[in-house]
Amino acid sequence: MSWGPDPVSPRLIGDSGPWIWGLPTLIQALNDPDGPWSPPPAPWQPGGRSDPLAEAIAFWAPLTTLTYGVLGWTQPDLGVQRWLAAGRPTDTPQLMLLDRWWGEHALALTAWAQTSPCPRMHAREIAKRTGSVVATPAATEPVRVLPEWHRTLGGGADPLHLGHVLDHLLGPGLDDHGVTGTLLHPSPTSGQREASLVLDTYAGWYARLARWGNELPQRPDGRSWQVHVTVKPVGYLGAYRRSRTTGRWFAGRHAHHLLGWPG
């Protein structure tokens, strides 16, 4: 299908189409949450593109990147429901962005998981490729489906083909061996716990972070490594730690990471 011209080069992300349209702005907004970074237009607002499917994909795809990848949630449908129940905290850039770009509409992830097996399948695939586990999914409160979410929930198990986002996180192949880069870290006895991961391509960045990050030497002081991730064509993706509870890598506060953990 032809989506028309991409607003960013496909070489920037390693993909094309509306799945990539909001990614550069998402990354800028995470680095500068107080900046004037606007989300992709909501597909139910007038005056957007002529293709409603493309608008829906462009709006929802960055939400799956933020929840599965940046926040490291194994169960995003649970995470957004807990976040809303907690009063929509915004004390980190990740949650500021979640609130500003989607707010209560993030519950569409919960509604999707209540009508489709795909969110669970995505979670299992990420766990398989990152050496982590998926706990037994926790039950979520029934969600009233809003008319604005029709494109997200109608037309099959994954009507927006958000499996593209898994290719961004994990790489399009069966493994991440095509992802090249460098991980630099000080001696674990030096007292410094910050490492730096620099990758040549965006596709597969999360799988490479997990693969190489999980192999970092143990620190005698018991503290976790903090890995600063930079993708050359895209920029700085943030500082990530590995949770001892979930085994997943995440950015932000650990308490916020656990919102999306059913264990």
Foldseek 3Di string as FASTA:
>chain_A
DDPDDAPDDCQLQVDDALLCNFVLLVQVCQVPVVDPRAAQDQLVDPDHDPDSLSSNNNLCNVVCCLQCPALVFLAQLQLVQVCVVVVQDDPHSSSSCVCRRQNPVSNLSNQLVVQAVVSNVLSCLVCVLLVWDADDDDDDDDDDDDPSCCCCRDDDSGNSPSCVSVQQQQNPDPHLVVKDWDKADDDLAPPDQEIETETAHRGRQQSVCSVVLVPDDQHPVRDWHWYWYAHVSRGTNATWTADPVTRGIHHDDPVSSCSSGPD
